[in-house]
Amino acid sequence: MSKYLDKSTIVQLAEECQPFLPLRNKIYNTYGIDPLDTDTLSSLEIYQIVSQYDSDYNVNFSRNGEDAQSGSVLIEQKCTKVPSNTTKTGKNRKAAGTDASFTFHAMGDIEYPRYIFVARFKDNLGIDRLYDISEPANVAIVQQYLLAERKAWLARGRADPAKMKRDAIVIPEKVLLTQLAITKKMVIDDCTVFRA
């Protein structure tokens, strides 16, 4: 969906964003990493949590390949934004904690030996929930689900090639909560970590 702003708002937004540029340039010139690139800030936040229980965990800052690794195990990471767990009136939101969906490219690399799925709040980008899936039986469930979604996407495309323009497939959080054997649940830095 398109979102256009009026010219005065664009000028104001550009002015308010100016303080980011010197900080971005300093980080880029020091580390060779652009913090404004897609996934960089998410990866750094995920690192702050996962490294507390996995000392071998490391992030790949290249735009290609796996997202992270632990020892020799490659990891695919997916982040999504969700609304706050409460409504504007302070009541618990009905679908809170179960409404995330993690998006993959149907024809991309979707089979990995470990997955990390993260749900972040839209309003402050705080990480609320993290699913770290590495047990072989749980990994197989994720892979089978994604491969079935790929197959369904290909079938829709064969029936109507116009439907192949967007190759997004998703695995809903509810699948993780209902089909995986969660072996450990803990809270790290206000984030609920589900290990499966």
Protein backbone atom coordinates (compact mmCIF):
# COMPACT_ATOMS: atom_id res chain seq x y z
CA MET A 1 0.00 0.00 0.00
CA SER A 2 1.38 3.40 -0.95
CA LYS A 3 1.94 6.08 1.66
CA TYR A 4 2.58 9.63 0.49
CA LEU A 5 3.08 12.63 2.76
CA ASP A 6 2.52 16.28 1.98
CA LYS A 7 5.63 18.29 1.09
CA SER A 8 5.86 20.20 4.38
CA THR A 9 5.72 16.93 6.34
CA ILE A 10 8.44 15.43 4.15
CA VAL A 11 10.67 18.46 4.79
CA GLN A 12 10.04 18.21 8.54
CA LEU A 13 10.72 14.46 8.55
CA ALA A 14 13.98 14.97 6.64
CA GLU A 15 15.10 17.56 9.16
CA GLU A 16 14.26 15.33 12.12
CA CYS A 17 16.20 12.44 10.57
CA GLN A 18 19.38 14.49 10.13
CA PRO A 19 20.86 13.51 13.54
CA PHE A 20 20.88 9.85 12.45
CA LEU A 21 23.32 10.43 9.61
CA PRO A 22 26.47 11.35 11.59
CA LEU A 23 25.91 8.40 13.93
CA ARG A 24 25.32 6.06 10.97
CA ASN A 25 28.48 7.34 9.27
CA LYS A 26 30.57 6.91 12.42
CA ILE A 27 29.41 3.30 12.84
CA TYR A 28 29.90 2.53 9.16
CA ASN A 29 33.39 4.05 9.07
CA THR A 30 34.43 2.25 12.27
CA TYR A 31 32.97 -1.23 11.64
CA GLY A 32 32.10 -1.33 7.94
CA ILE A 33 28.50 -2.15 8.92
CA ASP A 34 25.56 0.07 8.00
CA PRO A 35 23.17 0.06 10.99
CA LEU A 36 20.39 1.28 8.69
CA ASP A 37 20.61 -1.79 6.43
CA THR A 38 17.75 -4.24 6.66
CA ASP A 39 18.19 -6.70 9.55
CA THR A 40 21.28 -5.07 11.10
CA LEU A 41 19.54 -3.59 14.15
CA SER A 42 17.37 -6.70 14.56
CA SER A 43 20.43 -8.94 14.41
CA LEU A 44 22.20 -6.89 17.06
CA GLU A 45 19.17 -7.05 19.36
CA ILE A 46 18.80 -10.79 18.82
CA TYR A 47 22.49 -11.22 19.61
CA GLN A 48 22.02 -9.50 22.97
CA ILE A 49 19.51 -12.20 23.95
CA VAL A 50 20.76 -15.40 22.30
CA SER A 51 24.40 -14.91 23.31
CA GLN A 52 23.31 -15.08 26.95
CA TYR A 53 22.52 -18.79 26.60
CA ASP A 54 24.56 -19.74 23.50
CA SER A 55 28.15 -18.55 23.78
CA ASP A 56 28.97 -19.79 20.24
CA TYR A 57 26.21 -17.72 18.60
CA ASN A 58 27.42 -15.15 16.05
CA VAL A 59 25.67 -12.91 13.52
CA ASN A 60 26.37 -12.77 9.78
CA PHE A 61 26.40 -9.10 8.71
CA SER A 62 26.63 -9.94 5.01
CA ARG A 63 23.44 -9.37 3.04
CA ASN A 64 23.72 -12.88 1.55
CA GLY A 65 23.70 -16.34 3.04
CA GLU A 66 22.66 -17.50 6.47
CA ASP A 67 21.70 -14.96 9.13
CA ALA A 68 23.79 -16.39 11.94
CA GLN A 69 25.66 -19.44 13.11
CA SER A 70 26.54 -21.28 16.27
CA GLY A 71 29.73 -23.24 15.82
CA SER A 72 29.22 -24.86 12.43
CA VAL A 73 25.40 -24.80 12.60
CA LEU A 74 23.85 -22.28 10.22
CA ILE A 75 20.81 -20.33 11.45
CA GLU A 76 17.93 -18.68 9.60
CA GLN A 77 16.40 -15.76 11.51
CA LYS A 78 13.06 -14.09 10.87
CA CYS A 79 11.67 -11.04 12.65
CA THR A 80 8.20 -9.62 12.54
CA LYS A 81 6.49 -6.68 14.20
CA VAL A 82 3.39 -7.13 16.34
CA PRO A 83 1.13 -4.68 18.19
CA SER A 84 1.53 -4.13 21.91
CA ASN A 85 0.22 -6.84 24.21
CA THR A 86 -2.33 -4.38 25.57
CA THR A 87 -4.96 -2.18 23.96
CA LYS A 88 -4.95 1.63 24.18
CA THR A 89 -7.25 1.32 27.20
CA GLY A 90 -4.79 -0.97 28.99
CA LYS A 91 -6.68 -4.24 28.51
CA ASN A 92 -4.94 -7.40 27.36
CA ARG A 93 -5.12 -7.72 23.59
CA LYS A 94 -6.95 -10.93 22.61
CA ALA A 95 -4.38 -12.37 20.22
CA ALA A 96 -1.32 -11.13 22.13
CA GLY A 97 1.47 -13.68 22.21
CA THR A 98 0.09 -15.81 19.38
CA ASP A 99 -0.41 -13.53 16.38
CA ALA A 100 3.02 -13.29 14.78
CA SER A 101 3.74 -14.69 11.31
CA PHE A 102 7.23 -15.23 9.98
CA THR A 103 7.74 -14.59 6.27
CA PHE A 104 9.96 -16.49 3.85
CA HIS A 105 10.47 -16.26 0.10
CA ALA A 106 8.79 -19.33 -1.38
CA MET A 107 11.71 -19.94 -3.74
CA GLY A 108 14.43 -18.87 -1.32
CA ASP A 109 16.53 -21.03 0.97
CA ILE A 110 14.10 -22.30 3.58
CA GLU A 111 15.75 -25.47 4.90
CA TYR A 112 18.16 -24.79 7.76
CA PRO A 113 19.28 -26.85 10.76
CA ARG A 114 18.23 -24.11 13.18
CA TYR A 115 15.68 -21.28 13.12
CA ILE A 116 15.26 -18.21 15.30
CA PHE A 117 11.91 -16.44 15.02
CA VAL A 118 11.41 -13.10 16.77
CA ALA A 119 8.31 -11.02 17.49
CA ARG A 120 9.04 -7.32 18.13
CA PHE A 121 6.67 -4.58 19.19
CA LYS A 122 5.82 -2.07 16.45
CA ASP A 123 5.83 0.92 18.77
CA ASN A 124 9.28 0.52 20.38
CA LEU A 125 10.93 -2.42 18.55
CA GLY A 126 11.40 -4.25 21.86
CA ILE A 127 11.70 -8.00 21.42
CA ASP A 128 8.77 -9.69 23.16
CA ARG A 129 9.16 -13.33 22.10
CA LEU A 130 11.92 -15.41 20.57
CA TYR A 131 11.61 -18.98 19.30
CA ASP A 132 14.92 -20.82 19.02
CA ILE A 133 14.27 -24.05 17.14
CA SER A 134 17.13 -26.54 16.93
CA GLU A 135 15.84 -29.95 18.01
CA PRO A 136 15.80 -32.14 14.85
CA ALA A 137 12.14 -33.18 15.23
CA ASN A 138 11.05 -29.54 15.64
CA VAL A 139 13.25 -28.38 12.75
CA ALA A 140 11.62 -31.07 10.59
CA ILE A 141 8.14 -29.74 11.50
CA VAL A 142 9.15 -26.20 10.46
CA GLN A 143 10.73 -27.44 7.22
CA GLN A 144 7.74 -29.61 6.31
CA TYR A 145 5.37 -26.71 6.94
CA LEU A 146 7.43 -24.32 4.80
CA LEU A 147 7.88 -26.87 1.99
CA ALA A 148 4.10 -27.46 1.95
CA GLU A 149 3.56 -23.68 1.74
CA ARG A 150 6.04 -23.52 -1.16
CA LYS A 151 4.20 -26.31 -2.94
CA ALA A 152 0.86 -24.52 -2.45
CA TRP A 153 2.37 -21.25 -3.72
CA LEU A 154 3.66 -23.01 -6.85
CA ALA A 155 0.23 -24.58 -7.44
CA ARG A 156 -1.47 -21.15 -7.19
CA GLY A 157 1.10 -19.77 -9.62
CA ARG A 158 0.51 -22.53 -12.16
CA ALA A 159 -3.23 -21.81 -12.01
CA ASP A 160 -2.73 -18.04 -12.27
CA PRO A 161 0.79 -16.75 -13.11
CA ALA A 162 -0.16 -13.27 -11.86
CA LYS A 163 -0.10 -14.74 -8.34
CA MET A 164 3.63 -15.44 -8.64
CA LYS A 165 4.64 -11.77 -8.40
CA ARG A 166 4.89 -11.94 -4.64
CA ASP A 167 6.52 -15.12 -3.39
CA ALA A 168 5.88 -14.64 0.32
CA ILE A 169 4.94 -17.65 2.41
CA VAL A 170 4.50 -17.56 6.17
CA ILE A 171 4.64 -19.81 9.17
CA PRO A 172 2.24 -18.57 11.87
CA GLU A 173 3.28 -18.38 15.51
CA LYS A 174 0.33 -20.60 16.40
CA VAL A 175 1.97 -23.44 14.44
CA LEU A 176 5.07 -23.09 16.60
CA LEU A 177 3.04 -23.05 19.81
CA THR A 178 0.82 -26.00 18.91
CA GLN A 179 3.10 -28.32 16.92
CA LEU A 180 6.58 -27.94 18.40
CA ALA A 181 7.80 -29.64 21.55
CA ILE A 182 9.05 -26.66 23.54
CA THR A 183 11.82 -27.93 25.81
CA LYS A 184 12.62 -24.75 27.71
CA LYS A 185 10.93 -21.43 28.36
CA MET A 186 12.77 -18.55 30.01
CA VAL A 187 12.76 -14.77 30.20
CA ILE A 188 15.87 -12.81 29.18
CA ASP A 189 15.81 -9.00 29.18
CA ASP A 190 11.98 -8.92 29.21
CA CYS A 191 11.85 -11.32 26.24
CA THR A 192 10.19 -14.71 26.55
CA VAL A 193 12.50 -17.28 24.94
CA PHE A 194 11.02 -20.57 23.76
CA ARG A 195 13.61 -23.22 22.98
CA ALA A 196 12.42 -26.13 20.92
